C-alpha atoms as a PDB file:
ATOM      1  CA  MET A   1     -36.223  -1.818  31.125  1.00  0.00           C
ATOM      2  CA  ASN A   2     -34.821   1.505  32.315  1.00  0.00           C
ATOM      3  CA  PHE A   3     -37.319   1.473  35.183  1.00  0.00           C
ATOM      4  CA  LEU A   4     -36.099  -1.972  36.294  1.00  0.00           C
ATOM      5  CA  LYS A   5     -32.451  -0.885  36.042  1.00  0.00           C
ATOM      6  CA  ASN A   6     -33.094   2.224  38.120  1.00  0.00           C
ATOM      7  CA  LEU A   7     -34.964   0.185  40.723  1.00  0.00           C
ATOM      8  CA  ILE A   8     -32.002  -2.188  41.101  1.00  0.00           C
ATOM      9  CA  LEU A   9     -29.544   0.707  41.449  1.00  0.00           C
ATOM     10  CA  PHE A  10     -31.762   2.340  44.077  1.00  0.00           C
ATOM     11  CA  GLY A  11     -31.862  -0.930  46.046  1.00  0.00           C
ATOM     12  CA  VAL A  12     -28.067  -1.216  45.985  1.00  0.00           C
ATOM     13  CA  PHE A  13     -27.745   2.402  47.205  1.00  0.00           C
ATOM     14  CA  ILE A  14     -30.138   1.809  50.135  1.00  0.00           C
ATOM     15  CA  ALA A  15     -28.278  -1.391  51.110  1.00  0.00           C
ATOM     16  CA  PHE A  16     -24.977   0.483  51.053  1.00  0.00           C
ATOM     17  CA  ILE A  17     -26.320   3.255  53.326  1.00  0.00           C
ATOM     18  CA  SER A  18     -27.828   0.723  55.756  1.00  0.00           C
ATOM     19  CA  CYS A  19     -24.572  -1.194  55.937  1.00  0.00           C
ATOM     20  CA  GLY A  20     -22.687   1.979  56.759  1.00  0.00           C
ATOM     21  CA  GLN A  21     -25.140   2.837  59.525  1.00  0.00           C
ATOM     22  CA  ASN A  22     -25.177  -0.593  61.168  1.00  0.00           C
ATOM     23  CA  SER A  23     -21.455  -1.390  61.146  1.00  0.00           C
ATOM     24  CA  LYS A  24     -19.056   0.523  63.390  1.00  0.00           C
ATOM     25  CA  PRO A  25     -15.482   0.996  62.220  1.00  0.00           C
ATOM     26  CA  LYS A  26     -12.893  -0.766  64.359  1.00  0.00           C
ATOM     27  CA  LYS A  27     -10.901   1.480  66.633  1.00  0.00           C
ATOM     28  CA  THR A  28      -7.310   1.878  65.540  1.00  0.00           C
ATOM     29  CA  ILE A  29      -5.278   1.234  68.674  1.00  0.00           C
ATOM     30  CA  THR A  30      -2.471   3.584  67.694  1.00  0.00           C
ATOM     31  CA  ASN A  31      -4.833   6.347  66.551  1.00  0.00           C
ATOM     32  CA  GLU A  32      -3.908   8.694  69.409  1.00  0.00           C
ATOM     33  CA  PRO A  33      -4.133  12.431  68.563  1.00  0.00           C
ATOM     34  CA  THR A  34      -0.726  13.221  67.095  1.00  0.00           C
ATOM     35  CA  ASN A  35      -0.229  16.313  69.237  1.00  0.00           C
ATOM     36  CA  VAL A  36      -0.635  14.328  72.490  1.00  0.00           C
ATOM     37  CA  LEU A  37       1.856  11.678  71.491  1.00  0.00           C
ATOM     38  CA  GLN A  38       4.228  14.343  70.267  1.00  0.00           C
ATOM     39  CA  LYS A  39       4.021  16.264  73.537  1.00  0.00           C
ATOM     40  CA  VAL A  40       4.782  13.147  75.560  1.00  0.00           C
ATOM     41  CA  ASP A  41       7.616  12.174  73.214  1.00  0.00           C
ATOM     42  CA  ASN A  42       9.043  15.700  73.489  1.00  0.00           C
ATOM     43  CA  ALA A  43       8.940  15.459  77.280  1.00  0.00           C
ATOM     44  CA  VAL A  44      10.855  12.178  77.074  1.00  0.00           C
ATOM     45  CA  MET A  45      13.480  13.848  74.867  1.00  0.00           C
ATOM     46  CA  LYS A  46      13.909  16.695  77.354  1.00  0.00           C
ATOM     47  CA  LEU A  47      14.244  14.173  80.163  1.00  0.00           C
ATOM     48  CA  ASN A  48      16.868  12.205  78.239  1.00  0.00           C
ATOM     49  CA  ASN A  49      18.898  15.373  77.822  1.00  0.00           C
ATOM     50  CA  GLN A  50      18.833  15.869  81.586  1.00  0.00           C
ATOM     51  CA  ILE A  51      19.921  12.332  82.447  1.00  0.00           C
ATOM     52  CA  ALA A  52      22.654  11.895  79.845  1.00  0.00           C
ATOM     53  CA  GLU A  53      25.243  11.251  82.560  1.00  0.00           C
ATOM     54  CA  TYR A  54      23.129   8.603  84.328  1.00  0.00           C
ATOM     55  CA  ASP A  55      23.181   4.873  83.588  1.00  0.00           C
ATOM     56  CA  LYS A  56      20.067   4.027  81.553  1.00  0.00           C
ATOM     57  CA  ILE A  57      18.344   0.886  82.856  1.00  0.00           C
ATOM     58  CA  THR A  58      15.305   0.748  80.581  1.00  0.00           C
ATOM     59  CA  THR A  59      12.646   2.876  78.886  1.00  0.00           C
ATOM     60  CA  LEU A  60       9.139   1.436  78.636  1.00  0.00           C
ATOM     61  CA  ASP A  61       6.637   2.953  76.219  1.00  0.00           C
ATOM     62  CA  HIS A  62       3.406   1.605  77.701  1.00  0.00           C
ATOM     63  CA  HIS A  63       1.199   3.059  74.957  1.00  0.00           C
ATOM     64  CA  ARG A  64       3.096   1.587  72.035  1.00  0.00           C
ATOM     65  CA  MET A  65       3.800  -1.764  73.711  1.00  0.00           C
ATOM     66  CA  ALA A  66       0.098  -2.143  74.492  1.00  0.00           C
ATOM     67  CA  ALA A  67      -0.814  -1.147  70.923  1.00  0.00           C
ATOM     68  CA  ASP A  68       1.424  -3.930  69.615  1.00  0.00           C
ATOM     69  CA  GLU A  69      -0.767  -6.324  71.606  1.00  0.00           C
ATOM     70  CA  GLY A  70      -4.009  -4.791  70.324  1.00  0.00           C
ATOM     71  CA  VAL A  71      -4.719  -2.925  73.566  1.00  0.00           C
ATOM     72  CA  TYR A  72      -5.214   0.801  74.061  1.00  0.00           C
ATOM     73  CA  THR A  73      -3.688   2.816  76.887  1.00  0.00           C
ATOM     74  CA  PRO A  74      -2.939   6.573  76.895  1.00  0.00           C
ATOM     75  CA  PRO A  75       0.539   7.864  76.012  1.00  0.00           C
ATOM     76  CA  SER A  76       2.808   6.824  78.870  1.00  0.00           C
ATOM     77  CA  VAL A  77       6.580   6.360  78.929  1.00  0.00           C
ATOM     78  CA  VAL A  78       8.537   5.474  82.066  1.00  0.00           C
ATOM     79  CA  THR A  79      12.299   5.946  82.084  1.00  0.00           C
ATOM     80  CA  ILE A  80      14.356   4.114  84.703  1.00  0.00           C
ATOM     81  CA  PHE A  81      17.942   5.255  85.209  1.00  0.00           C
ATOM     82  CA  SER A  82      20.650   4.940  87.808  1.00  0.00           C
ATOM     83  CA  ASN A  83      23.433   6.642  89.724  1.00  0.00           C
ATOM     84  CA  PRO A  84      25.017   4.021  92.029  1.00  0.00           C
ATOM     85  CA  LYS A  85      26.945   6.690  93.920  1.00  0.00           C
ATOM     86  CA  ILE A  86      23.615   8.090  95.141  1.00  0.00           C
ATOM     87  CA  GLU A  87      21.575   4.891  95.352  1.00  0.00           C
ATOM     88  CA  VAL A  88      23.979   2.515  97.103  1.00  0.00           C
ATOM     89  CA  PRO A  89      24.117   4.435 100.439  1.00  0.00           C
ATOM     90  CA  ILE A  90      20.303   4.503 100.503  1.00  0.00           C
ATOM     91  CA  VAL A  91      19.993   0.753  99.949  1.00  0.00           C
ATOM     92  CA  GLN A  92      22.741   0.187 102.506  1.00  0.00           C
ATOM     93  CA  ALA A  93      20.625   2.069 105.060  1.00  0.00           C
ATOM     94  CA  ASN A  94      17.450   0.151 104.191  1.00  0.00           C
ATOM     95  CA  GLN A  95      17.331  -2.617 101.582  1.00  0.00           C
ATOM     96  CA  LEU A  96      13.579  -2.269 101.156  1.00  0.00           C
ATOM     97  CA  ILE A  97      14.065   1.185  99.614  1.00  0.00           C
ATOM     98  CA  GLY A  98      15.474  -0.690  96.623  1.00  0.00           C
ATOM     99  CA  LEU A  99      11.824  -1.107  95.637  1.00  0.00           C
ATOM    100  CA  ASP A 100      11.627   2.652  94.959  1.00  0.00           C
ATOM    101  CA  LEU A 101      14.968   2.887  93.205  1.00  0.00           C
ATOM    102  CA  PRO A 102      16.659   3.442  90.798  1.00  0.00           C
ATOM    103  CA  PHE A 103      15.515   6.886  89.652  1.00  0.00           C
ATOM    104  CA  LYS A 104      12.321   6.748  87.612  1.00  0.00           C
ATOM    105  CA  VAL A 105      10.299   9.398  85.792  1.00  0.00           C
ATOM    106  CA  LEU A 106       7.014   8.973  83.930  1.00  0.00           C
ATOM    107  CA  CYS A 107       6.006  11.155  80.979  1.00  0.00           C
ATOM    108  CA  TYR A 108       2.329  10.640  80.205  1.00  0.00           C
ATOM    109  CA  ALA A 109      -1.093  12.102  79.398  1.00  0.00           C
ATOM    110  CA  GLU A 110      -4.346  11.570  81.251  1.00  0.00           C
ATOM    111  CA  PRO A 111      -7.117  10.062  79.086  1.00  0.00           C
ATOM    112  CA  ASP A 112      -9.281  13.201  79.287  1.00  0.00           C
ATOM    113  CA  THR A 113      -6.608  15.761  78.374  1.00  0.00           C
ATOM    114  CA  THR A 114      -4.265  16.668  75.539  1.00  0.00           C
ATOM    115  CA  GLU A 115      -1.447  17.861  77.782  1.00  0.00           C
ATOM    116  CA  ALA A 116       1.729  15.988  78.682  1.00  0.00           C
ATOM    117  CA  LYS A 117       2.463  15.454  82.376  1.00  0.00           C
ATOM    118  CA  VAL A 118       5.541  14.313  84.278  1.00  0.00           C
ATOM    119  CA  ALA A 119       5.502  12.251  87.473  1.00  0.00           C
ATOM    120  CA  PHE A 120       8.432  11.058  89.569  1.00  0.00           C
ATOM    121  CA  THR A 121       9.236   9.288  92.821  1.00  0.00           C
ATOM    122  CA  SER A 122       9.917  12.046  95.324  1.00  0.00           C
ATOM    123  CA  ALA A 123      12.262  11.930  98.288  1.00  0.00           C
ATOM    124  CA  GLU A 124       9.302  12.898 100.472  1.00  0.00           C
ATOM    125  CA  PHE A 125       7.420   9.780  99.359  1.00  0.00           C
ATOM    126  CA  ILE A 126      10.435   7.550 100.077  1.00  0.00           C
ATOM    127  CA  GLN A 127      10.967   9.198 103.470  1.00  0.00           C
ATOM    128  CA  LYS A 128       7.377   8.571 104.557  1.00  0.00           C
ATOM    129  CA  ARG A 129       7.071   5.103 103.050  1.00  0.00           C
ATOM    130  CA  HIS A 130      10.261   3.838 104.678  1.00  0.00           C
ATOM    131  CA  ASN A 131      10.431   6.122 107.712  1.00  0.00           C
ATOM    132  CA  ILE A 132      13.981   7.186 106.950  1.00  0.00           C
ATOM    133  CA  ASP A 133      15.804  10.499 107.056  1.00  0.00           C
ATOM    134  CA  SER A 134      19.410  10.424 105.933  1.00  0.00           C
ATOM    135  CA  GLU A 135      21.946  12.488 104.044  1.00  0.00           C
ATOM    136  CA  ALA A 136      21.886   9.833 101.323  1.00  0.00           C
ATOM    137  CA  LEU A 137      18.204  10.524 100.726  1.00  0.00           C
ATOM    138  CA  ARG A 138      18.902  14.258 100.553  1.00  0.00           C
ATOM    139  CA  ASP A 139      21.462  13.549  97.817  1.00  0.00           C
ATOM    140  CA  TYR A 140      18.711  11.727  95.935  1.00  0.00           C
ATOM    141  CA  GLU A 141      16.353  14.672  96.447  1.00  0.00           C
ATOM    142  CA  ARG A 142      18.871  17.185  95.127  1.00  0.00           C
ATOM    143  CA  ALA A 143      19.583  15.082  92.053  1.00  0.00           C
ATOM    144  CA  MET A 144      15.911  14.459  91.252  1.00  0.00           C
ATOM    145  CA  ASN A 145      14.993  18.119  91.768  1.00  0.00           C
ATOM    146  CA  GLN A 146      17.728  19.163  89.367  1.00  0.00           C
ATOM    147  CA  ILE A 147      16.308  16.832  86.730  1.00  0.00           C
ATOM    148  CA  ILE A 148      12.682  17.873  87.220  1.00  0.00           C
ATOM    149  CA  GLU A 149      13.374  21.607  87.437  1.00  0.00           C
ATOM    150  CA  ALA A 150      14.550  21.580  83.819  1.00  0.00           C
ATOM    151  CA  LEU A 151      11.022  20.661  82.712  1.00  0.00           C
ATOM    152  CA  PRO A 152       8.130  23.174  82.526  1.00  0.00           C
ATOM    153  CA  LYS A 153       6.418  23.531  85.912  1.00  0.00           C
ATOM    154  CA  LYS A 154       2.962  23.165  84.367  1.00  0.00           C
ATOM    155  CA  MET A 155       3.881  19.615  83.334  1.00  0.00           C
ATOM    156  CA  ILE A 156       4.818  18.390  86.802  1.00  0.00           C
ATOM    157  CA  SER A 157       2.265  16.119  88.451  1.00  0.00           C
ATOM    158  CA  ASN A 158       3.058  16.218  92.160  1.00  0.00           C
ATOM    159  CA  THR A 159       1.620  13.564  94.457  1.00  0.00           C
ATOM    160  CA  ASP A 160      -0.152  14.269  97.727  1.00  0.00           C
ATOM    161  CA  VAL A 161       1.679  11.995 100.183  1.00  0.00           C
ATOM    162  CA  SER A 162      -0.250  13.087 103.277  1.00  0.00           C
ATOM    163  CA  ASN A 163      -1.885   9.650 103.478  1.00  0.00           C
ATOM    164  CA  VAL A 164       1.345   7.725 102.902  1.00  0.00           C
ATOM    165  CA  ASP A 165       2.601   5.976 106.015  1.00  0.00           C
ATOM    166  CA  GLU A 166       5.340   3.445 106.755  1.00  0.00           C
ATOM    167  CA  ASN A 167       5.254   0.422 104.416  1.00  0.00           C
ATOM    168  CA  PHE A 168       2.475   1.990 102.353  1.00  0.00           C
ATOM    169  CA  GLY A 169       1.461  -0.282  99.465  1.00  0.00           C
ATOM    170  CA  ILE A 170       4.231  -2.824 100.057  1.00  0.00           C
ATOM    171  CA  VAL A 171       3.394  -6.511  99.795  1.00  0.00           C
ATOM    172  CA  GLN A 172       6.140  -8.757 101.134  1.00  0.00           C
ATOM    173  CA  PHE A 173       6.642 -12.292 102.354  1.00  0.00           C
ATOM    174  CA  LYS A 174       9.488 -14.664 103.182  1.00  0.00           C
ATOM    175  CA  SER A 175      10.952 -17.172 100.746  1.00  0.00           C
ATOM    176  CA  ASP A 176      11.592 -20.805 101.627  1.00  0.00           C
ATOM    177  CA  PHE A 177      14.738 -20.760  99.488  1.00  0.00           C
ATOM    178  CA  ASP A 178      18.139 -19.086  99.510  1.00  0.00           C
ATOM    179  CA  PHE A 179      18.697 -15.844  97.621  1.00  0.00           C
ATOM    180  CA  SER A 180      20.000 -17.285  94.326  1.00  0.00           C
ATOM    181  CA  THR A 181      17.330 -19.990  94.156  1.00  0.00           C
ATOM    182  CA  THR A 182      14.590 -17.484  94.920  1.00  0.00           C
ATOM    183  CA  VAL A 183      15.722 -15.185  92.116  1.00  0.00           C
ATOM    184  CA  GLN A 184      15.936 -18.080  89.655  1.00  0.00           C
ATOM    185  CA  ASN A 185      12.535 -19.473  90.656  1.00  0.00           C
ATOM    186  CA  LEU A 186      10.965 -16.068  90.136  1.00  0.00           C
ATOM    187  CA  ARG A 187      12.620 -15.642  86.738  1.00  0.00           C
ATOM    188  CA  ASP A 188      11.430 -19.076  85.650  1.00  0.00           C
ATOM    189  CA  ILE A 189       7.821 -18.646  86.731  1.00  0.00           C
ATOM    190  CA  VAL A 190       7.569 -15.146  85.298  1.00  0.00           C
ATOM    191  CA  MET A 191       8.976 -16.088  81.912  1.00  0.00           C
ATOM    192  CA  ALA A 192       6.758 -19.160  81.708  1.00  0.00           C
ATOM    193  CA  GLN A 193       3.804 -16.768  81.231  1.00  0.00           C
ATOM    194  CA  SER A 194       3.163 -16.105  77.558  1.00  0.00           C
ATOM    195  CA  ASP A 195       1.942 -12.519  77.992  1.00  0.00           C
ATOM    196  CA  THR A 196       4.950 -11.351  80.021  1.00  0.00           C
ATOM    197  CA  LYS A 197       8.231  -9.731  78.990  1.00  0.00           C
ATOM    198  CA  TRP A 198      11.468  -9.346  80.940  1.00  0.00           C
ATOM    199  CA  PHE A 199      12.835  -5.802  80.845  1.00  0.00           C
ATOM    200  CA  ALA A 200      15.831  -5.551  83.168  1.00  0.00           C
ATOM    201  CA  ASP A 201      17.186  -6.220  86.634  1.00  0.00           C
ATOM    202  CA  VAL A 202      19.242  -4.165  89.048  1.00  0.00           C
ATOM    203  CA  ASP A 203      21.800  -5.907  91.265  1.00  0.00           C
ATOM    204  CA  TYR A 204      22.322  -3.508  94.166  1.00  0.00           C
ATOM    205  CA  GLN A 205      25.033  -5.684  95.716  1.00  0.00           C
ATOM    206  CA  LYS A 206      26.960  -5.531  92.456  1.00  0.00           C
ATOM    207  CA  GLN A 207      26.437  -1.775  92.292  1.00  0.00           C
ATOM    208  CA  ALA A 208      27.780  -1.476  95.835  1.00  0.00           C
ATOM    209  CA  SER A 209      30.966  -3.312  94.893  1.00  0.00           C
ATOM    210  CA  THR A 210      31.712  -0.619  92.314  1.00  0.00           C
ATOM    211  CA  GLN A 211      31.575   1.925  95.146  1.00  0.00           C
ATOM    212  CA  ASN A 212      33.711  -0.208  97.493  1.00  0.00           C
ATOM    213  CA  VAL A 213      30.698  -0.584  99.791  1.00  0.00           C
ATOM    214  CA  GLU A 214      29.139  -3.771 101.182  1.00  0.00           C
ATOM    215  CA  VAL A 215      25.428  -4.422 100.709  1.00  0.00           C
ATOM    216  CA  ARG A 216      23.703  -7.713 101.456  1.00  0.00           C
ATOM    217  CA  PRO A 217      22.235  -9.585  98.446  1.00  0.00           C
ATOM    218  CA  THR A 218      19.560  -7.295  97.023  1.00  0.00           C
ATOM    219  CA  MET A 219      18.138  -7.372  93.495  1.00  0.00           C
ATOM    220  CA  LEU A 220      15.283  -5.618  91.707  1.00  0.00           C
ATOM    221  CA  LEU A 221      13.553  -7.559  88.922  1.00  0.00           C
ATOM    222  CA  LEU A 222      11.702  -5.600  86.231  1.00  0.00           C
ATOM    223  CA  PHE A 223       9.129  -7.296  83.999  1.00  0.00           C
ATOM    224  CA  GLY A 224       5.517  -6.977  82.901  1.00  0.00           C
ATOM    225  CA  GLY A 225       2.694  -7.855  80.548  1.00  0.00           C
ATOM    226  CA  PRO A 226       1.988  -5.114  77.948  1.00  0.00           C
ATOM    227  CA  ALA A 227      -1.573  -6.335  77.284  1.00  0.00           C
ATOM    228  CA  PRO A 228      -2.859  -6.772  80.871  1.00  0.00           C
ATOM    229  CA  GLY A 229      -0.815  -3.767  81.967  1.00  0.00           C
ATOM    230  CA  GLY A 230      -2.349  -1.633  79.226  1.00  0.00           C
ATOM    231  CA  LYS A 231      -5.868  -2.608  80.288  1.00  0.00           C
ATOM    232  CA  ALA A 232      -5.043  -1.757  83.898  1.00  0.00           C
ATOM    233  CA  MET A 233      -3.662   1.682  82.954  1.00  0.00           C
ATOM    234  CA  VAL A 234      -6.323   2.817  80.469  1.00  0.00           C
ATOM    235  CA  SER A 235      -8.104   5.119  82.950  1.00  0.00           C
ATOM    236  CA  SER A 236      -5.175   5.676  85.337  1.00  0.00           C
ATOM    237  CA  PRO A 237      -1.898   5.984  83.410  1.00  0.00           C
ATOM    238  CA  LYS A 238       0.023   7.577  86.296  1.00  0.00           C
ATOM    239  CA  ILE A 239       0.297   4.173  87.992  1.00  0.00           C
ATOM    240  CA  GLY A 240       2.821   3.386  85.248  1.00  0.00           C
ATOM    241  CA  LEU A 241       5.349   5.068  87.525  1.00  0.00           C
ATOM    242  CA  ASP A 242       5.135   2.450  90.299  1.00  0.00           C
ATOM    243  CA  ALA A 243       2.973  -0.466  89.181  1.00  0.00           C
ATOM    244  CA  PHE A 244       4.020  -1.023  85.555  1.00  0.00           C
ATOM    245  CA  CYS A 245       6.366  -2.505  84.830  1.00  0.00           C
ATOM    246  CA  GLN A 246       6.309  -4.856  87.825  1.00  0.00           C
ATOM    247  CA  LYS A 247       9.068  -4.099  90.309  1.00  0.00           C
ATOM    248  CA  LEU A 248       9.933  -7.144  92.400  1.00  0.00           C
ATOM    249  CA  LEU A 249      12.606  -6.792  95.073  1.00  0.00           C
ATOM    250  CA  VAL A 250      14.464  -9.823  96.425  1.00  0.00           C
ATOM    251  CA  TYR A 251      16.729  -9.299  99.421  1.00  0.00           C
ATOM    252  CA  GLU A 252      18.523 -11.196 102.157  1.00  0.00           C
ATOM    253  CA  ASN A 253      18.319  -9.579 105.600  1.00  0.00           C
ATOM    254  CA  GLU A 254      20.789  -9.592 108.498  1.00  0.00           C
ATOM    255  CA  ALA A 255      19.315 -12.842 109.817  1.00  0.00           C
ATOM    256  CA  GLY A 256      19.955 -14.597 106.506  1.00  0.00           C
ATOM    257  CA  GLU A 257      16.237 -14.696 105.654  1.00  0.00           C
ATOM    258  CA  VAL A 258      15.258 -14.066 102.050  1.00  0.00           C
ATOM    259  CA  TRP A 259      12.263 -11.821 101.435  1.00  0.00           C
ATOM    260  CA  ILE A 260      10.455 -10.580  98.347  1.00  0.00           C
ATOM    261  CA  ALA A 261       8.572  -7.294  98.114  1.00  0.00           C
ATOM    262  CA  TYR A 262       6.490  -5.609  95.428  1.00  0.00           C
ATOM    263  CA  ASN A 263       4.002  -2.767  94.960  1.00  0.00           C
ATOM    264  CA  ASP A 264       0.273  -3.159  95.555  1.00  0.00           C
ATOM    265  CA  ILE A 265      -1.304  -1.861  92.332  1.00  0.00           C
ATOM    266  CA  VAL A 266      -4.634  -1.004  93.949  1.00  0.00           C
ATOM    267  CA  ALA A 267      -2.894   1.048  96.653  1.00  0.00           C
ATOM    268  CA  PHE A 268      -1.186   3.237  94.051  1.00  0.00           C
ATOM    269  CA  ALA A 269      -4.367   3.608  91.986  1.00  0.00           C
ATOM    270  CA  GLU A 270      -6.112   4.865  95.106  1.00  0.00           C
ATOM    271  CA  LEU A 271      -3.170   7.164  95.921  1.00  0.00           C
ATOM    272  CA  TYR A 272      -3.223   8.808  92.491  1.00  0.00           C
ATOM    273  CA  TYR A 273      -6.918   8.534  91.522  1.00  0.00           C
ATOM    274  CA  GLN A 274      -8.834   7.723  94.749  1.00  0.00           C
ATOM    275  CA  SER A 275     -10.287   4.657  93.019  1.00  0.00           C
ATOM    276  CA  PHE A 276      -9.242   1.370  91.444  1.00  0.00           C
ATOM    277  CA  THR A 277     -10.441  -0.893  88.636  1.00  0.00           C
ATOM    278  CA  LYS A 278     -11.200  -4.576  88.272  1.00  0.00           C
ATOM    279  CA  PRO A 279      -8.174  -5.260  85.993  1.00  0.00           C
ATOM    280  CA  GLN A 280      -5.874  -3.724  88.633  1.00  0.00           C
ATOM    281  CA  GLN A 281      -7.422  -5.916  91.318  1.00  0.00           C
ATOM    282  CA  MET A 282      -7.115  -9.016  89.133  1.00  0.00           C
ATOM    283  CA  ILE A 283      -3.416  -8.398  88.406  1.00  0.00           C
ATOM    284  CA  ASN A 284      -2.809  -7.962  92.139  1.00  0.00           C
ATOM    285  CA  GLN A 285      -4.310 -11.384  92.761  1.00  0.00           C
ATOM    286  CA  ARG A 286      -2.345 -12.928  89.902  1.00  0.00           C
ATOM    287  CA  LEU A 287       0.947 -11.522  91.209  1.00  0.00           C
ATOM    288  CA  LYS A 288       0.394 -12.798  94.731  1.00  0.00           C
ATOM    289  CA  MET A 289      -0.492 -16.279  93.508  1.00  0.00           C
ATOM    290  CA  THR A 290       2.470 -16.415  91.084  1.00  0.00           C
ATOM    291  CA  PHE A 291       5.090 -15.145  93.536  1.00  0.00           C
ATOM    292  CA  THR A 292       3.833 -17.312  96.392  1.00  0.00           C
ATOM    293  CA  LYS A 293       4.152 -20.396  94.219  1.00  0.00           C
ATOM    294  CA  ALA A 294       7.717 -19.447  93.232  1.00  0.00           C
ATOM    295  CA  VAL A 295       9.037 -18.988  96.767  1.00  0.00           C
ATOM    296  CA  THR A 296       7.152 -21.754  98.585  1.00  0.00           C
ATOM    297  CA  ASN A 297       8.787 -25.152  99.039  1.00  0.00           C
ATOM    298  CA  GLN A 298       5.969 -27.486  98.060  1.00  0.00           C
ATOM    299  CA  SER A 299       7.669 -30.538  99.565  1.00  0.00           C
ATOM    300  CA  THR A 300       7.435 -29.105 103.099  1.00  0.00           C
ATOM    301  CA  GLU A 301       3.710 -28.395 102.960  1.00  0.00           C
END
């Protein structure tokens, strides 16, 4: 009887060991090393101290938003903030620069490191991308440098802009509708997608009015999908500075034509990492198809 009992217990033990060997524990999405998250969060706190006098537009924690959707992406927080006194003269000189404004800074960690990094949109990048040199842009440069210089130099991730030329990574096309209708159509089609969230918008014309300056209708729409965005950033989190959230500019030019412009995700992945991924390419295609549908008058086709 004891022999039979021991045999049964031995069988249960072997089954337990086999089960443990054959089943892999599920990855906990939020199980990022605490020190990495803490370093990124500390960088965000330091940044917030530096921009206390700026108007906060939005802060997007890509890592935690993706985790809420069951998707992993490295620690990555982009902060978007504004100073109309600096930004309005730049947009007045070239509306398309509204795509690279307001101020934005990304605190993040690469997937293969445990160190926090900081990336930002430099005046040099804007100058080359839009072929502009003005005192207004130098004001932007001075302000951004003052913010960044307060952070440890070892954290700063500078971008090589030697391959950036005019209109680099900008996708744009004309709308069949007036400005207000175009903006509304884009809002409607974006929010009809179940995996997408609206974060904020920046009305540059309204900003200009506070500075007693005239700017033609120009608005930046900020939105994105935490799950698809997280998948696209998993190996290249620095693109969270320009590609996520989505930055869609709508503007009316001197001829009364309404245009939309947005960033090519693949172009920025190649700029920062010299490569791109399939999810980034797929989101590019999705954006083009979605925006084209919103601004095309189907009845005239």
